[in-house]
C-alpha atoms as a PDB file:
ATOM      1  CA  MET A   1      -2.896 -18.647 -10.790  1.00  0.00           C
ATOM      2  CA  THR A   2      -3.633 -15.907  -8.126  1.00  0.00           C
ATOM      3  CA  ASP A   3      -6.955 -15.534  -5.749  1.00  0.00           C
ATOM      4  CA  VAL A   4      -8.908 -12.690  -6.478  1.00  0.00           C
ATOM      5  CA  ARG A   5      -9.620 -12.486  -3.249  1.00  0.00           C
ATOM      6  CA  GLN A   6      -6.575 -12.732  -1.562  1.00  0.00           C
ATOM      7  CA  LEU A   7      -5.218  -9.922  -3.938  1.00  0.00           C
ATOM      8  CA  PHE A   8      -7.824  -7.646  -2.605  1.00  0.00           C
ATOM      9  CA  ALA A   9      -6.843  -8.306   1.011  1.00  0.00           C
ATOM     10  CA  ASP A  10      -3.640  -7.710   0.258  1.00  0.00           C
ATOM     11  CA  LEU A  11      -4.434  -4.395  -0.773  1.00  0.00           C
ATOM     12  CA  THR A  12      -6.540  -4.053   2.305  1.00  0.00           C
ATOM     13  CA  CYS A  13      -3.608  -4.585   4.306  1.00  0.00           C
ATOM     14  CA  ALA A  14      -1.298  -2.352   2.273  1.00  0.00           C
ATOM     15  CA  ILE A  15      -3.238   0.427   2.773  1.00  0.00           C
ATOM     16  CA  GLU A  16      -4.245  -0.250   6.476  1.00  0.00           C
ATOM     17  CA  ASP A  17      -0.387  -0.204   7.149  1.00  0.00           C
ATOM     18  CA  LEU A  18      -0.610   3.378   4.985  1.00  0.00           C
ATOM     19  CA  HIS A  19      -3.350   5.155   6.823  1.00  0.00           C
ATOM     20  CA  GLY A  20      -1.348   4.187   9.866  1.00  0.00           C
ATOM     21  CA  ILE A  21       2.145   5.706   8.884  1.00  0.00           C
ATOM     22  CA  ALA A  22      -0.160   8.719   7.619  1.00  0.00           C
ATOM     23  CA  VAL A  23      -1.787   8.819  10.865  1.00  0.00           C
ATOM     24  CA  GLU A  24       1.857   8.404  12.913  1.00  0.00           C
ATOM     25  CA  GLY A  25       2.854  11.332  10.291  1.00  0.00           C
ATOM     26  CA  GLN A  26       0.362  13.817  12.371  1.00  0.00           C
ATOM     27  CA  ALA A  27       2.213  13.073  16.005  1.00  0.00           C
ATOM     28  CA  PRO A  28       3.455  16.694  17.196  1.00  0.00           C
ATOM     29  CA  ASN A  29       6.981  17.981  17.162  1.00  0.00           C
ATOM     30  CA  LEU A  30       8.383  14.747  14.915  1.00  0.00           C
ATOM     31  CA  SER A  31      12.070  15.461  14.331  1.00  0.00           C
ATOM     32  CA  PRO A  32      12.733  15.785  10.615  1.00  0.00           C
ATOM     33  CA  ASP A  33      14.318  12.476   9.890  1.00  0.00           C
ATOM     34  CA  ILE A  34      11.372  10.787  11.241  1.00  0.00           C
ATOM     35  CA  GLN A  35       8.873  12.950   9.078  1.00  0.00           C
ATOM     36  CA  LEU A  36      11.585  11.836   6.271  1.00  0.00           C
ATOM     37  CA  CYS A  37      10.953   8.462   7.245  1.00  0.00           C
ATOM     38  CA  LEU A  38       7.522   7.857   7.084  1.00  0.00           C
ATOM     39  CA  LEU A  39       7.577   9.741   3.708  1.00  0.00           C
ATOM     40  CA  THR A  40       9.753   6.667   2.531  1.00  0.00           C
ATOM     41  CA  SER A  41       7.609   3.858   3.992  1.00  0.00           C
ATOM     42  CA  ILE A  42       4.596   5.812   2.278  1.00  0.00           C
ATOM     43  CA  SER A  43       6.431   5.877  -0.447  1.00  0.00           C
ATOM     44  CA  ALA A  44       7.708   2.461  -0.965  1.00  0.00           C
ATOM     45  CA  GLY A  45       4.138   1.815   0.152  1.00  0.00           C
ATOM     46  CA  LEU A  46       2.372   3.329  -2.874  1.00  0.00           C
ATOM     47  CA  ASN A  47       5.123   1.964  -5.401  1.00  0.00           C
ATOM     48  CA  SER A  48       4.224  -1.741  -3.766  1.00  0.00           C
ATOM     49  CA  MET A  49       0.331  -0.908  -4.081  1.00  0.00           C
ATOM     50  CA  CYS A  50       0.671   0.128  -7.737  1.00  0.00           C
ATOM     51  CA  GLY A  51       2.270  -3.254  -8.032  1.00  0.00           C
ATOM     52  CA  LEU A  52      -0.326  -5.159  -6.484  1.00  0.00           C
ATOM     53  CA  VAL A  53      -3.014  -3.214  -8.375  1.00  0.00           C
ATOM     54  CA  THR A  54      -1.448  -4.129 -11.329  1.00  0.00           C
ATOM     55  CA  ARG A  55      -1.566  -7.982 -10.303  1.00  0.00           C
ATOM     56  CA  LEU A  56      -5.425  -7.728  -9.407  1.00  0.00           C
ATOM     57  CA  THR A  57      -6.024  -6.285 -12.602  1.00  0.00           C
ATOM     58  CA  ASN A  58      -3.958  -8.819 -14.812  1.00  0.00           C
ATOM     59  CA  THR A  59      -5.479 -11.519 -12.856  1.00  0.00           C
ATOM     60  CA  VAL A  60      -9.152  -9.971 -13.438  1.00  0.00           C
ATOM     61  CA  SER A  61      -8.560  -9.284 -17.257  1.00  0.00           C
ATOM     62  CA  GLU A  62      -7.251 -13.223 -17.109  1.00  0.00           C
ATOM     63  CA  LEU A  63     -10.590 -14.386 -15.701  1.00  0.00           C
ATOM     64  CA  HIS A  64     -13.010 -12.620 -17.475  1.00  0.00           C
ATOM     65  CA  PRO A  65     -11.557 -12.064 -21.142  1.00  0.00           C
END
């Protein structure tokens, strides 16, 4: 069984990573290639976060049926 606190910590890290990418995307004069790279990173991060949220939901549900 995975620790709920660890899953919340993992989710926090993922959110912070995406925040950093979003801030980086606000920089002036980014090339379209860099913008696309940042968007790809955000998309992958969101997909990963969905998996974390699912794991967290399942873990909490198992602990409190």
